[in-house]
Amino acid sequence: MADNQGPQGNHDPAGSTQMFRAFVDEGPQGPRQQAAPATSSGGPRVGLIIGVVVAVAIVAVVAWLALK
């Protein structure tokens, strides 16, 4: 089998490491967006809480039907 590794000795067959390094070395091309205000970060948290409550309710209904 041929030794196709470069001089660094860390050949990445998929090339993902090289692509990531090229992306990082490029740097930002446009103006950076500023961080979102703290009030808008509650959206995903509220959705997660509602999802957990719905999941618990479904499990409770299934358990109630199984014991009925």
Protein backbone atom coordinates (compact mmCIF):
# COMPACT_ATOMS: atom_id res chain seq x y z
CA MET A 1 0.00 0.00 0.00
CA ALA A 2 1.38 3.39 -0.97
CA ASP A 3 2.16 6.00 1.65
CA ASN A 4 0.02 8.96 0.52
CA GLN A 5 0.43 11.00 3.68
CA GLY A 6 1.72 14.53 3.41
CA PRO A 7 4.80 15.84 5.13
CA GLN A 8 2.82 16.39 8.34
CA GLY A 9 1.88 12.72 8.56
CA ASN A 10 -1.78 13.33 9.36
CA HIS A 11 -3.67 12.35 6.21
CA ASP A 12 -7.43 12.92 6.40
CA PRO A 13 -9.08 10.75 3.72
CA ALA A 14 -12.34 12.72 3.82
CA GLY A 15 -10.55 16.06 3.72
CA SER A 16 -12.84 17.50 6.39
CA THR A 17 -9.97 18.67 8.57
CA GLN A 18 -8.36 20.53 5.71
CA MET A 19 -11.67 22.13 4.75
CA PHE A 20 -12.29 23.20 8.36
CA ARG A 21 -8.83 24.71 8.64
CA ALA A 22 -9.36 26.59 5.39
CA PHE A 23 -12.68 27.90 6.71
CA VAL A 24 -11.15 29.03 10.00
CA ASP A 25 -8.18 30.64 8.27
CA GLU A 26 -10.53 32.61 5.99
CA GLY A 27 -11.94 34.66 8.83
CA PRO A 28 -15.22 36.53 8.79
CA GLN A 29 -16.16 37.97 5.42
CA GLY A 30 -18.99 40.24 6.49
CA PRO A 31 -20.00 42.20 9.55
CA ARG A 32 -20.61 40.03 12.59
CA GLN A 33 -24.06 39.86 14.07
CA GLN A 34 -24.35 40.98 17.64
CA ALA A 35 -25.63 38.68 20.33
CA ALA A 36 -29.39 38.42 20.61
CA PRO A 37 -31.05 40.12 23.57
CA ALA A 38 -31.71 37.97 26.62
CA THR A 39 -35.48 38.24 26.16
CA SER A 40 -35.44 36.36 22.85
CA SER A 41 -33.45 33.44 24.27
CA GLY A 42 -36.48 32.39 26.33
CA GLY A 43 -38.24 31.07 23.23
CA PRO A 44 -36.44 27.75 22.90
CA ARG A 45 -36.48 27.26 26.66
CA VAL A 46 -40.26 27.72 26.80
CA GLY A 47 -40.67 25.29 23.91
CA LEU A 48 -38.55 22.71 25.71
CA ILE A 49 -40.57 23.05 28.91
CA ILE A 50 -43.85 22.69 27.01
CA GLY A 51 -42.48 19.63 25.21
CA VAL A 52 -41.48 17.98 28.47
CA VAL A 53 -44.90 18.70 30.02
CA VAL A 54 -46.67 17.24 26.97
CA ALA A 55 -44.43 14.13 27.06
CA VAL A 56 -45.15 13.59 30.76
CA ALA A 57 -48.88 14.02 30.12
CA ILE A 58 -48.79 11.44 27.31
CA VAL A 59 -46.91 8.96 29.48
CA ALA A 60 -49.41 9.53 32.29
CA VAL A 61 -52.38 8.92 29.95
CA VAL A 62 -50.80 5.75 28.55
CA ALA A 63 -50.07 4.47 32.07
CA TRP A 64 -53.63 5.30 33.16
CA LEU A 65 -55.06 3.43 30.16
CA ALA A 66 -52.78 0.45 30.79
CA LEU A 67 -53.88 0.19 34.44
CA LYS A 68 -57.56 0.74 33.66
